[in-house]
N, C-alpha and C. Protein backbone atom coordinates (compact mmCIF):
# COMPACT_ATOMS: atom_id res chain seq x y z
N MET A 1 -129.76 -28.58 -49.11
CA MET A 1 -129.47 -29.94 -48.69
C MET A 1 -128.01 -30.27 -48.99
N ASP A 2 -127.22 -30.58 -47.97
CA ASP A 2 -125.78 -30.86 -48.10
C ASP A 2 -125.57 -32.36 -48.26
N ARG A 3 -124.79 -32.79 -49.27
CA ARG A 3 -124.55 -34.22 -49.53
C ARG A 3 -123.12 -34.61 -49.14
N SER A 4 -122.55 -34.01 -48.12
CA SER A 4 -121.17 -34.31 -47.73
C SER A 4 -121.07 -35.54 -46.83
N GLY A 5 -122.17 -36.16 -46.40
CA GLY A 5 -122.16 -37.37 -45.55
C GLY A 5 -121.87 -38.62 -46.35
N ILE A 6 -122.01 -39.75 -45.73
CA ILE A 6 -121.75 -41.05 -46.36
C ILE A 6 -122.90 -41.43 -47.29
N SER A 7 -122.58 -42.00 -48.42
CA SER A 7 -123.62 -42.41 -49.37
C SER A 7 -124.28 -43.71 -48.91
N ARG A 8 -125.43 -43.98 -49.50
CA ARG A 8 -126.14 -45.22 -49.17
C ARG A 8 -125.29 -46.43 -49.57
N ARG A 9 -124.63 -46.36 -50.72
CA ARG A 9 -123.76 -47.44 -51.19
C ARG A 9 -122.60 -47.65 -50.22
N GLY A 10 -121.99 -46.58 -49.76
CA GLY A 10 -120.89 -46.67 -48.79
C GLY A 10 -121.34 -47.29 -47.48
N ALA A 11 -122.53 -46.92 -47.03
CA ALA A 11 -123.06 -47.48 -45.78
C ALA A 11 -123.32 -48.97 -45.92
N LEU A 12 -123.89 -49.38 -47.05
CA LEU A 12 -124.16 -50.81 -47.27
C LEU A 12 -122.87 -51.62 -47.39
N THR A 13 -121.87 -51.06 -48.05
CA THR A 13 -120.58 -51.75 -48.18
C THR A 13 -119.94 -51.94 -46.80
N GLY A 14 -119.94 -50.90 -46.01
CA GLY A 14 -119.37 -50.98 -44.66
C GLY A 14 -120.11 -51.99 -43.79
N ALA A 15 -121.44 -52.00 -43.89
CA ALA A 15 -122.24 -52.93 -43.10
C ALA A 15 -121.97 -54.37 -43.52
N SER A 16 -121.86 -54.61 -44.84
CA SER A 16 -121.62 -55.99 -45.28
C SER A 16 -120.24 -56.47 -44.87
N LEU A 17 -119.24 -55.60 -44.89
CA LEU A 17 -117.91 -55.99 -44.40
C LEU A 17 -117.95 -56.30 -42.91
N GLY A 18 -118.70 -55.50 -42.18
CA GLY A 18 -118.82 -55.72 -40.74
C GLY A 18 -119.46 -57.06 -40.40
N LEU A 19 -120.31 -57.56 -41.28
CA LEU A 19 -120.95 -58.86 -41.06
C LEU A 19 -120.13 -60.01 -41.64
N THR A 20 -119.42 -59.77 -42.74
CA THR A 20 -118.68 -60.82 -43.43
C THR A 20 -117.40 -61.21 -42.70
N LEU A 21 -116.65 -60.26 -42.21
CA LEU A 21 -115.37 -60.57 -41.58
C LEU A 21 -115.50 -61.51 -40.37
N PRO A 22 -116.44 -61.30 -39.44
CA PRO A 22 -116.55 -62.26 -38.33
C PRO A 22 -116.91 -63.66 -38.79
N VAL A 23 -117.73 -63.77 -39.84
CA VAL A 23 -118.11 -65.09 -40.37
C VAL A 23 -116.89 -65.78 -40.95
N LEU A 24 -116.08 -65.05 -41.71
CA LEU A 24 -114.87 -65.65 -42.27
C LEU A 24 -113.89 -66.04 -41.18
N ALA A 25 -113.78 -65.24 -40.15
CA ALA A 25 -112.88 -65.57 -39.05
C ALA A 25 -113.34 -66.84 -38.34
N ALA A 26 -114.64 -67.06 -38.26
CA ALA A 26 -115.17 -68.27 -37.62
C ALA A 26 -114.89 -69.51 -38.44
N CYS A 27 -114.58 -69.35 -39.71
CA CYS A 27 -114.28 -70.48 -40.59
C CYS A 27 -112.80 -70.78 -40.58
N GLY A 28 -112.14 -70.54 -39.49
CA GLY A 28 -110.70 -70.76 -39.37
C GLY A 28 -110.34 -72.22 -39.42
N ASP A 29 -109.14 -72.55 -39.01
CA ASP A 29 -108.58 -73.89 -39.10
C ASP A 29 -109.11 -74.78 -38.00
N ASP A 30 -110.35 -75.21 -38.11
CA ASP A 30 -110.94 -76.12 -37.14
C ASP A 30 -111.18 -77.48 -37.78
N GLU A 31 -110.50 -77.74 -38.89
CA GLU A 31 -110.65 -78.99 -39.59
C GLU A 31 -110.01 -80.13 -38.80
N PRO A 32 -110.54 -81.36 -38.92
CA PRO A 32 -109.91 -82.50 -38.26
C PRO A 32 -108.50 -82.71 -38.79
N GLU A 33 -107.62 -83.14 -37.92
CA GLU A 33 -106.24 -83.42 -38.30
C GLU A 33 -106.22 -84.67 -39.17
N THR A 34 -105.47 -84.61 -40.27
CA THR A 34 -105.42 -85.77 -41.15
C THR A 34 -104.02 -86.34 -41.25
N GLY A 35 -103.02 -85.57 -40.94
CA GLY A 35 -101.65 -86.07 -41.05
C GLY A 35 -101.27 -86.91 -39.85
N THR A 36 -100.21 -87.69 -40.02
CA THR A 36 -99.75 -88.51 -38.90
C THR A 36 -98.83 -87.75 -38.00
N GLY A 37 -98.10 -86.79 -38.53
CA GLY A 37 -97.24 -85.95 -37.71
C GLY A 37 -96.12 -86.69 -37.01
N GLY A 38 -95.95 -87.98 -37.25
CA GLY A 38 -94.94 -88.75 -36.54
C GLY A 38 -93.60 -88.69 -37.22
N SER A 39 -92.65 -89.33 -36.63
CA SER A 39 -91.32 -89.39 -37.22
C SER A 39 -91.31 -90.47 -38.28
N PRO A 40 -90.24 -90.58 -39.05
CA PRO A 40 -90.24 -91.55 -40.13
C PRO A 40 -90.24 -92.99 -39.68
N THR A 41 -90.19 -93.32 -38.41
CA THR A 41 -90.14 -94.72 -37.98
C THR A 41 -91.51 -95.19 -37.64
N GLY A 42 -94.13 -95.39 -37.44
CA GLY A 42 -95.49 -95.65 -37.29
C GLY A 42 -95.99 -95.91 -35.95
N ARG A 43 -95.19 -96.01 -34.87
CA ARG A 43 -95.80 -96.36 -33.60
C ARG A 43 -95.24 -95.47 -32.52
N SER A 44 -95.98 -95.39 -31.44
CA SER A 44 -95.47 -94.55 -30.36
C SER A 44 -95.94 -95.04 -29.01
N SER A 45 -95.11 -94.88 -28.04
CA SER A 45 -95.58 -95.07 -26.69
C SER A 45 -95.55 -93.70 -26.07
N ALA A 46 -96.52 -93.42 -25.22
CA ALA A 46 -96.72 -92.04 -24.82
C ALA A 46 -96.39 -91.78 -23.38
N THR A 47 -95.83 -90.61 -23.18
CA THR A 47 -95.55 -90.17 -21.83
C THR A 47 -95.83 -88.70 -21.66
N GLU A 48 -96.23 -87.98 -22.72
CA GLU A 48 -96.42 -86.55 -22.57
C GLU A 48 -97.81 -86.22 -22.06
N THR A 49 -97.94 -85.04 -21.49
CA THR A 49 -99.22 -84.59 -20.98
C THR A 49 -100.03 -83.98 -22.11
N PRO A 50 -101.38 -83.98 -21.99
CA PRO A 50 -102.19 -83.45 -23.08
C PRO A 50 -101.96 -81.95 -23.24
N GLU A 51 -101.88 -81.53 -24.50
CA GLU A 51 -101.71 -80.13 -24.83
C GLU A 51 -102.71 -79.77 -25.91
N LEU A 52 -102.84 -78.51 -26.18
CA LEU A 52 -103.70 -78.06 -27.25
C LEU A 52 -102.89 -77.22 -28.23
N PRO A 53 -101.88 -77.83 -28.90
CA PRO A 53 -101.07 -77.06 -29.84
C PRO A 53 -101.88 -76.70 -31.07
N THR A 54 -101.37 -75.73 -31.82
CA THR A 54 -102.06 -75.31 -33.03
C THR A 54 -101.44 -75.89 -34.28
N SER A 55 -100.38 -76.66 -34.16
CA SER A 55 -99.76 -77.28 -35.32
C SER A 55 -99.43 -78.73 -34.99
N ASP A 56 -99.00 -79.47 -36.01
CA ASP A 56 -98.64 -80.86 -35.79
C ASP A 56 -97.53 -80.97 -34.76
N PRO A 57 -97.50 -82.08 -34.00
CA PRO A 57 -96.44 -82.26 -33.02
C PRO A 57 -95.09 -82.38 -33.71
N PRO A 58 -94.01 -82.11 -32.99
CA PRO A 58 -92.69 -82.23 -33.61
C PRO A 58 -92.48 -83.63 -34.16
N SER A 59 -91.67 -83.74 -35.20
CA SER A 59 -91.49 -85.03 -35.87
C SER A 59 -90.81 -86.06 -34.98
N GLU A 60 -90.09 -85.65 -33.97
CA GLU A 60 -89.44 -86.60 -33.08
C GLU A 60 -90.20 -86.77 -31.77
N SER A 61 -91.51 -86.49 -31.76
CA SER A 61 -92.32 -86.59 -30.56
C SER A 61 -92.28 -88.01 -30.01
N PRO A 62 -92.02 -88.19 -28.71
CA PRO A 62 -91.95 -89.54 -28.16
C PRO A 62 -93.30 -90.25 -28.17
N THR A 63 -94.40 -89.54 -28.38
CA THR A 63 -95.71 -90.17 -28.35
C THR A 63 -96.21 -90.60 -29.71
N ARG A 64 -95.53 -90.23 -30.78
CA ARG A 64 -96.03 -90.52 -32.11
C ARG A 64 -94.93 -91.00 -33.05
N LYS A 65 -93.95 -91.70 -32.56
CA LYS A 65 -92.90 -92.16 -33.46
C LYS A 65 -93.36 -93.39 -34.22
N LYS A 66 -92.86 -93.55 -35.41
CA LYS A 66 -93.23 -94.67 -36.27
C LYS A 66 -92.17 -95.76 -36.15
N MET A 67 -92.61 -97.01 -36.27
CA MET A 67 -91.71 -98.14 -36.27
C MET A 67 -92.11 -99.04 -37.43
N PRO A 68 -91.19 -99.79 -37.98
CA PRO A 68 -91.56 -100.68 -39.09
C PRO A 68 -92.59 -101.71 -38.66
N LYS A 69 -93.48 -102.10 -39.57
CA LYS A 69 -94.49 -103.11 -39.27
C LYS A 69 -93.82 -104.44 -38.97
N ARG A 70 -94.29 -105.08 -37.91
CA ARG A 70 -93.73 -106.37 -37.50
C ARG A 70 -94.36 -107.48 -38.33
N ALA A 71 -93.58 -108.44 -38.73
CA ALA A 71 -94.09 -109.57 -39.51
C ALA A 71 -95.02 -110.44 -38.68
N ASP A 72 -94.82 -110.45 -37.36
CA ASP A 72 -95.60 -111.33 -36.50
C ASP A 72 -96.67 -110.59 -35.70
N GLY A 73 -97.07 -109.40 -36.11
CA GLY A 73 -98.11 -108.65 -35.42
C GLY A 73 -97.94 -107.16 -35.63
N ILE A 74 -98.83 -106.37 -35.03
CA ILE A 74 -98.75 -104.93 -35.20
C ILE A 74 -97.91 -104.28 -34.10
N ALA A 75 -97.66 -105.00 -33.00
CA ALA A 75 -96.83 -104.47 -31.91
C ALA A 75 -96.33 -105.62 -31.07
N ALA A 76 -95.33 -105.31 -30.26
CA ALA A 76 -94.81 -106.28 -29.30
C ALA A 76 -95.33 -105.89 -27.91
N THR A 77 -95.61 -106.86 -27.09
CA THR A 77 -96.12 -106.57 -25.75
C THR A 77 -95.17 -105.67 -24.97
N GLY A 78 -93.87 -105.83 -25.18
CA GLY A 78 -92.88 -105.02 -24.49
C GLY A 78 -92.86 -103.56 -24.93
N ASP A 79 -93.50 -103.24 -26.06
CA ASP A 79 -93.56 -101.86 -26.55
C ASP A 79 -94.67 -101.04 -25.87
N VAL A 80 -95.58 -101.71 -25.17
CA VAL A 80 -96.74 -101.04 -24.58
C VAL A 80 -96.53 -100.89 -23.08
N PRO A 81 -96.31 -99.66 -22.59
CA PRO A 81 -96.06 -99.46 -21.16
C PRO A 81 -97.28 -99.82 -20.30
N VAL A 82 -97.03 -100.45 -19.16
CA VAL A 82 -98.10 -100.75 -18.20
C VAL A 82 -98.63 -99.43 -17.63
N GLY A 83 -99.97 -99.30 -17.57
CA GLY A 83 -100.59 -98.08 -17.07
C GLY A 83 -100.61 -96.96 -18.08
N SER A 84 -100.32 -97.26 -19.34
CA SER A 84 -100.27 -96.26 -20.40
C SER A 84 -100.55 -96.97 -21.73
N GLY A 85 -99.88 -96.58 -22.78
CA GLY A 85 -100.10 -97.22 -24.06
C GLY A 85 -99.27 -96.62 -25.15
N MET A 86 -99.62 -96.97 -26.37
CA MET A 86 -98.91 -96.47 -27.54
C MET A 86 -99.91 -96.24 -28.67
N ILE A 87 -99.53 -95.35 -29.60
CA ILE A 87 -100.36 -95.03 -30.75
C ILE A 87 -99.66 -95.55 -32.00
N LEU A 88 -100.37 -96.33 -32.78
CA LEU A 88 -99.86 -96.77 -34.08
C LEU A 88 -100.44 -95.79 -35.09
N THR A 89 -99.64 -94.79 -35.44
CA THR A 89 -100.15 -93.68 -36.24
C THR A 89 -100.61 -94.10 -37.63
N ASP A 90 -99.87 -94.96 -38.30
CA ASP A 90 -100.26 -95.37 -39.65
C ASP A 90 -101.57 -96.15 -39.63
N GLU A 91 -101.75 -97.01 -38.63
CA GLU A 91 -102.95 -97.84 -38.53
C GLU A 91 -104.10 -97.13 -37.83
N LYS A 92 -103.81 -95.95 -37.21
CA LYS A 92 -104.80 -95.19 -36.42
C LYS A 92 -105.42 -96.07 -35.35
N ILE A 93 -104.53 -96.73 -34.59
CA ILE A 93 -104.94 -97.61 -33.50
C ILE A 93 -104.16 -97.22 -32.25
N VAL A 94 -104.84 -97.29 -31.10
CA VAL A 94 -104.20 -97.11 -29.81
C VAL A 94 -104.22 -98.46 -29.11
N ILE A 95 -103.07 -98.87 -28.59
CA ILE A 95 -103.00 -100.08 -27.78
C ILE A 95 -102.61 -99.64 -26.37
N THR A 96 -103.39 -100.07 -25.39
CA THR A 96 -103.09 -99.71 -24.01
C THR A 96 -102.87 -100.98 -23.18
N GLN A 97 -102.25 -100.80 -22.03
CA GLN A 97 -102.05 -101.89 -21.07
C GLN A 97 -102.38 -101.32 -19.68
N PRO A 98 -103.70 -101.26 -19.35
CA PRO A 98 -104.11 -100.67 -18.08
C PRO A 98 -103.47 -101.35 -16.87
N THR A 99 -103.39 -102.67 -16.92
CA THR A 99 -102.69 -103.44 -15.88
C THR A 99 -101.80 -104.46 -16.59
N ALA A 100 -100.81 -104.95 -15.92
CA ALA A 100 -99.84 -105.87 -16.52
C ALA A 100 -100.54 -107.04 -17.21
N GLY A 101 -100.25 -107.23 -18.49
CA GLY A 101 -100.79 -108.36 -19.25
C GLY A 101 -102.18 -108.15 -19.81
N ASP A 102 -102.83 -107.01 -19.53
CA ASP A 102 -104.18 -106.73 -20.01
C ASP A 102 -104.10 -105.67 -21.12
N PHE A 103 -104.20 -106.11 -22.38
CA PHE A 103 -104.04 -105.21 -23.51
C PHE A 103 -105.39 -104.86 -24.12
N LYS A 104 -105.58 -103.57 -24.44
CA LYS A 104 -106.82 -103.08 -25.02
C LYS A 104 -106.49 -102.34 -26.31
N GLY A 105 -107.39 -102.43 -27.28
CA GLY A 105 -107.21 -101.72 -28.54
C GLY A 105 -108.39 -100.80 -28.82
N PHE A 106 -108.10 -99.60 -29.33
CA PHE A 106 -109.12 -98.62 -29.66
C PHE A 106 -108.72 -97.90 -30.94
N THR A 107 -109.71 -97.31 -31.60
CA THR A 107 -109.39 -96.44 -32.72
C THR A 107 -108.65 -95.22 -32.18
N ALA A 108 -107.78 -94.65 -32.98
CA ALA A 108 -107.05 -93.45 -32.59
C ALA A 108 -107.75 -92.19 -33.08
N VAL A 109 -108.98 -92.33 -33.59
CA VAL A 109 -109.73 -91.19 -34.11
C VAL A 109 -110.69 -90.69 -33.04
N CYS A 110 -110.48 -89.45 -32.61
CA CYS A 110 -111.30 -88.84 -31.55
C CYS A 110 -112.75 -88.73 -32.01
N THR A 111 -113.66 -89.00 -31.09
CA THR A 111 -115.10 -88.96 -31.40
C THR A 111 -115.66 -87.55 -31.38
N HIS A 112 -114.85 -86.55 -31.05
CA HIS A 112 -115.35 -85.18 -31.04
C HIS A 112 -115.33 -84.57 -32.44
N ARG A 113 -114.16 -84.46 -33.05
CA ARG A 113 -114.04 -83.82 -34.36
C ARG A 113 -113.22 -84.63 -35.35
N GLY A 114 -112.89 -85.87 -35.03
CA GLY A 114 -112.18 -86.72 -35.98
C GLY A 114 -110.68 -86.55 -36.03
N CYS A 115 -110.11 -85.82 -35.08
CA CYS A 115 -108.65 -85.69 -35.02
C CYS A 115 -108.05 -87.02 -34.58
N THR A 116 -106.79 -87.22 -34.86
CA THR A 116 -106.09 -88.39 -34.38
C THR A 116 -105.52 -88.06 -33.00
N VAL A 117 -105.76 -88.95 -32.03
CA VAL A 117 -105.22 -88.71 -30.69
C VAL A 117 -103.70 -88.65 -30.79
N ASN A 118 -103.07 -87.95 -29.84
CA ASN A 118 -101.63 -87.73 -29.99
C ASN A 118 -100.80 -88.20 -28.81
N ALA A 119 -101.41 -88.61 -27.72
CA ALA A 119 -100.61 -89.02 -26.56
C ALA A 119 -101.40 -90.00 -25.70
N VAL A 120 -100.65 -90.88 -25.05
CA VAL A 120 -101.25 -91.79 -24.07
C VAL A 120 -100.43 -91.65 -22.80
N THR A 121 -101.11 -91.25 -21.73
CA THR A 121 -100.49 -91.19 -20.41
C THR A 121 -101.30 -92.17 -19.58
N ASP A 122 -101.93 -91.70 -18.52
CA ASP A 122 -102.90 -92.55 -17.83
C ASP A 122 -104.27 -92.40 -18.49
N THR A 123 -104.34 -91.57 -19.55
CA THR A 123 -105.51 -91.41 -20.40
C THR A 123 -105.03 -91.34 -21.85
N ILE A 124 -105.96 -91.53 -22.78
CA ILE A 124 -105.69 -91.34 -24.20
C ILE A 124 -106.10 -89.90 -24.50
N ASN A 125 -105.19 -89.11 -25.06
CA ASN A 125 -105.40 -87.67 -25.15
C ASN A 125 -105.45 -87.17 -26.59
N CYS A 126 -106.41 -86.29 -26.86
CA CYS A 126 -106.54 -85.65 -28.17
C CYS A 126 -106.12 -84.19 -28.05
N ARG A 127 -105.19 -83.79 -28.87
CA ARG A 127 -104.65 -82.44 -28.80
C ARG A 127 -105.59 -81.39 -29.37
N CYS A 128 -106.51 -81.77 -30.24
CA CYS A 128 -107.32 -80.77 -30.94
C CYS A 128 -108.20 -79.94 -30.00
N HIS A 129 -108.92 -80.58 -29.11
CA HIS A 129 -109.83 -79.86 -28.23
C HIS A 129 -109.78 -80.35 -26.79
N GLY A 130 -108.77 -81.16 -26.45
CA GLY A 130 -108.57 -81.56 -25.07
C GLY A 130 -109.38 -82.75 -24.60
N SER A 131 -109.94 -83.54 -25.49
CA SER A 131 -110.67 -84.73 -25.05
C SER A 131 -109.69 -85.75 -24.48
N MET A 132 -110.15 -86.47 -23.45
CA MET A 132 -109.36 -87.53 -22.81
C MET A 132 -110.25 -88.75 -22.66
N PHE A 133 -109.65 -89.92 -22.87
CA PHE A 133 -110.39 -91.18 -22.83
C PHE A 133 -109.71 -92.15 -21.88
N SER A 134 -110.49 -93.03 -21.27
CA SER A 134 -109.98 -94.06 -20.37
C SER A 134 -109.12 -95.06 -21.14
N ILE A 135 -107.96 -95.41 -20.58
CA ILE A 135 -107.11 -96.42 -21.24
C ILE A 135 -107.69 -97.82 -21.05
N GLU A 136 -108.64 -97.96 -20.15
CA GLU A 136 -109.25 -99.27 -19.90
C GLU A 136 -110.50 -99.51 -20.75
N THR A 137 -111.34 -98.47 -20.93
CA THR A 137 -112.62 -98.65 -21.62
C THR A 137 -112.76 -97.82 -22.90
N GLY A 138 -111.93 -96.81 -23.07
CA GLY A 138 -112.06 -95.90 -24.20
C GLY A 138 -113.14 -94.85 -24.01
N LYS A 139 -113.82 -94.85 -22.85
CA LYS A 139 -114.88 -93.87 -22.59
C LYS A 139 -114.26 -92.50 -22.31
N PRO A 140 -114.97 -91.43 -22.72
CA PRO A 140 -114.45 -90.09 -22.45
C PRO A 140 -114.42 -89.81 -20.95
N VAL A 141 -113.32 -89.22 -20.49
CA VAL A 141 -113.18 -88.85 -19.07
C VAL A 141 -112.91 -87.35 -18.93
N GLY A 142 -112.85 -86.63 -20.04
CA GLY A 142 -112.64 -85.20 -20.01
C GLY A 142 -112.73 -84.63 -21.41
N GLY A 143 -113.06 -83.35 -21.49
CA GLY A 143 -113.14 -82.67 -22.77
C GLY A 143 -114.48 -82.86 -23.44
N PRO A 144 -114.60 -82.41 -24.68
CA PRO A 144 -115.89 -82.38 -25.37
C PRO A 144 -116.30 -83.67 -26.10
N ALA A 145 -115.48 -84.71 -26.09
CA ALA A 145 -115.83 -85.93 -26.83
C ALA A 145 -117.17 -86.49 -26.33
N PRO A 146 -118.09 -86.79 -27.25
CA PRO A 146 -119.42 -87.24 -26.85
C PRO A 146 -119.55 -88.75 -26.61
N SER A 147 -118.63 -89.53 -27.15
CA SER A 147 -118.78 -90.98 -27.04
C SER A 147 -117.40 -91.64 -26.97
N PRO A 148 -117.39 -92.92 -26.57
CA PRO A 148 -116.10 -93.63 -26.43
C PRO A 148 -115.40 -93.86 -27.76
N LEU A 149 -114.10 -94.11 -27.67
CA LEU A 149 -113.34 -94.55 -28.83
C LEU A 149 -113.81 -95.96 -29.18
N ALA A 150 -113.95 -96.26 -30.45
CA ALA A 150 -114.38 -97.59 -30.87
C ALA A 150 -113.32 -98.62 -30.48
N GLU A 151 -113.78 -99.73 -29.95
CA GLU A 151 -112.85 -100.79 -29.54
C GLU A 151 -112.33 -101.53 -30.77
N LYS A 152 -111.06 -101.90 -30.72
CA LYS A 152 -110.41 -102.71 -31.75
C LYS A 152 -109.93 -103.98 -31.06
N PRO A 153 -110.66 -105.09 -31.21
CA PRO A 153 -110.26 -106.33 -30.53
C PRO A 153 -108.86 -106.77 -30.92
N LEU A 154 -108.10 -107.19 -29.92
CA LEU A 154 -106.72 -107.63 -30.11
C LEU A 154 -106.55 -109.10 -29.80
N VAL A 155 -105.52 -109.69 -30.36
CA VAL A 155 -105.09 -111.05 -30.05
C VAL A 155 -103.64 -110.95 -29.60
N VAL A 156 -103.34 -111.53 -28.44
CA VAL A 156 -101.97 -111.55 -27.94
C VAL A 156 -101.48 -112.98 -28.01
N ARG A 157 -100.38 -113.17 -28.75
CA ARG A 157 -99.75 -114.49 -28.87
C ARG A 157 -98.29 -114.34 -28.45
N GLY A 158 -97.95 -114.87 -27.29
CA GLY A 158 -96.59 -114.69 -26.79
C GLY A 158 -96.30 -113.24 -26.54
N ASP A 159 -95.30 -112.69 -27.23
CA ASP A 159 -94.99 -111.27 -27.06
C ASP A 159 -95.48 -110.44 -28.25
N SER A 160 -96.38 -110.98 -29.05
CA SER A 160 -96.88 -110.31 -30.24
C SER A 160 -98.34 -109.92 -30.07
N ILE A 161 -98.68 -108.71 -30.51
CA ILE A 161 -100.06 -108.21 -30.47
C ILE A 161 -100.51 -108.00 -31.91
N ASP A 162 -101.73 -108.45 -32.22
CA ASP A 162 -102.30 -108.26 -33.55
C ASP A 162 -103.79 -107.96 -33.41
N LEU A 163 -104.39 -107.47 -34.47
CA LEU A 163 -105.84 -107.28 -34.48
C LEU A 163 -106.52 -108.63 -34.58
N ALA A 164 -107.65 -108.76 -33.91
CA ALA A 164 -108.41 -110.02 -33.93
C ALA A 164 -109.09 -110.21 -35.27
C-alpha cells in the first residue's frame, strides 16, 4: 500500500479553503455609504448623470457641494434648479423643483441599502446600486429600490425654504 497521495487532513484543509474563500469574497464592501463625500462648503444642486462608482465622489463634485446653513431656512429657492434639485448632504435631504415654484422635499437616504443619494437630474439618483426616484413623488423609477423616498414637508417663505 503506497501512501504518496494526499492525506485526509490535506484534503479537508483544501476543501474548507475552497468553501471559505467565496464566502469571504461575498462579504465585500457592500455596506451603506455613511460619509457625505461633499466639499467643505453642505448643499448641492445636481446636473450629473447617475453612475455606479466604487468610491466616494470627488470632493468638488457639483452635485454634493456644501454651503453654510442659512439663518432664514435650509435653502434658497434660487438654489434649486427647475426640473431638477439639490442635495443637502449634512441634513440628508433632497429638495426638488419639478415645475417652477413647486418645491418638494425627500430624505436623501436610498430605500434600497441606505446609501445617500448623490445626484439630482430629472431623477434623484443613488450611486450605490443605480436606484432612481421621481423628483415629483420620490417613487422609484429605476433600479432595485423597493419603496419611495420618505417625504420631508417644506415651507416656502419668499425666497427661503425650510422644513415644515
